[in-house]
C-alpha atoms as a PDB file:
ATOM      1  CA  UNK A   1       0.000   0.000   0.000  1.00  0.00           C
ATOM      2  CA  UNK A   2       2.664   2.449  -0.983  1.00  0.00           C
ATOM      3  CA  UNK A   3       4.656   3.641  -3.943  1.00  0.00           C
ATOM      4  CA  UNK A   4       4.520   6.071  -6.796  1.00  0.00           C
ATOM      5  CA  UNK A   5       1.015   6.895  -8.004  1.00  0.00           C
ATOM      6  CA  UNK A   6      -0.609   4.911  -5.171  1.00  0.00           C
ATOM      7  CA  UNK A   7      -3.044   7.799  -4.646  1.00  0.00           C
ATOM      8  CA  UNK A   8      -4.312   7.377  -8.224  1.00  0.00           C
ATOM      9  CA  UNK A   9      -5.420   3.756  -7.772  1.00  0.00           C
ATOM     10  CA  UNK A  10      -9.158   3.173  -7.282  1.00  0.00           C
ATOM     11  CA  UNK A  11     -10.216   2.637  -3.673  1.00  0.00           C
ATOM     12  CA  UNK A  12     -13.016   0.488  -2.337  1.00  0.00           C
ATOM     13  CA  UNK A  13     -15.444  -1.193  -4.676  1.00  0.00           C
ATOM     14  CA  UNK A  14     -14.341  -0.010  -8.097  1.00  0.00           C
ATOM     15  CA  UNK A  15     -16.480  -2.276 -10.269  1.00  0.00           C
ATOM     16  CA  UNK A  16     -19.793  -4.059  -9.864  1.00  0.00           C
ATOM     17  CA  UNK A  17     -22.101  -5.683  -9.447  1.00  0.00           C
ATOM     18  CA  UNK A  18     -22.616  -5.351  -5.689  1.00  0.00           C
ATOM     19  CA  UNK A  19     -25.199  -7.640  -4.114  1.00  0.00           C
ATOM     20  CA  UNK A  20     -26.061  -8.710  -0.585  1.00  0.00           C
ATOM     21  CA  UNK A  21     -27.251 -12.304  -0.313  1.00  0.00           C
ATOM     22  CA  UNK A  22     -29.434 -13.161   2.665  1.00  0.00           C
ATOM     23  CA  UNK A  23     -31.395 -16.103   3.920  1.00  0.00           C
ATOM     24  CA  UNK A  24     -33.041 -18.368   1.334  1.00  0.00           C
ATOM     25  CA  UNK A  25     -30.761 -16.778  -1.317  1.00  0.00           C
ATOM     26  CA  UNK A  26     -32.730 -13.517  -1.246  1.00  0.00           C
ATOM     27  CA  UNK A  27     -30.595 -10.847  -2.950  1.00  0.00           C
ATOM     28  CA  UNK A  28     -30.502  -7.065  -2.791  1.00  0.00           C
ATOM     29  CA  UNK A  29     -28.744  -5.243  -5.630  1.00  0.00           C
ATOM     30  CA  UNK A  30     -26.714  -2.274  -4.359  1.00  0.00           C
ATOM     31  CA  UNK A  31     -24.887  -1.522  -7.606  1.00  0.00           C
ATOM     32  CA  UNK A  32     -26.706   1.732  -8.378  1.00  0.00           C
ATOM     33  CA  UNK A  33     -26.632   3.078  -4.803  1.00  0.00           C
ATOM     34  CA  UNK A  34     -24.486   6.040  -3.783  1.00  0.00           C
ATOM     35  CA  UNK A  35     -21.328   4.915  -1.963  1.00  0.00           C
ATOM     36  CA  UNK A  36     -19.383   7.173   0.386  1.00  0.00           C
ATOM     37  CA  UNK A  37     -15.918   6.389   1.728  1.00  0.00           C
ATOM     38  CA  UNK A  38     -14.539   7.992   4.864  1.00  0.00           C
END
């Protein structure tokens, strides 16, 4: 996690899809939601 141009690399979830899988394989698609990183 260091080196030249490290700050230009994407952080967090940079490509989708993003889904949460719950009980009985129920899924919730979070791909189009707004994501904030702190």
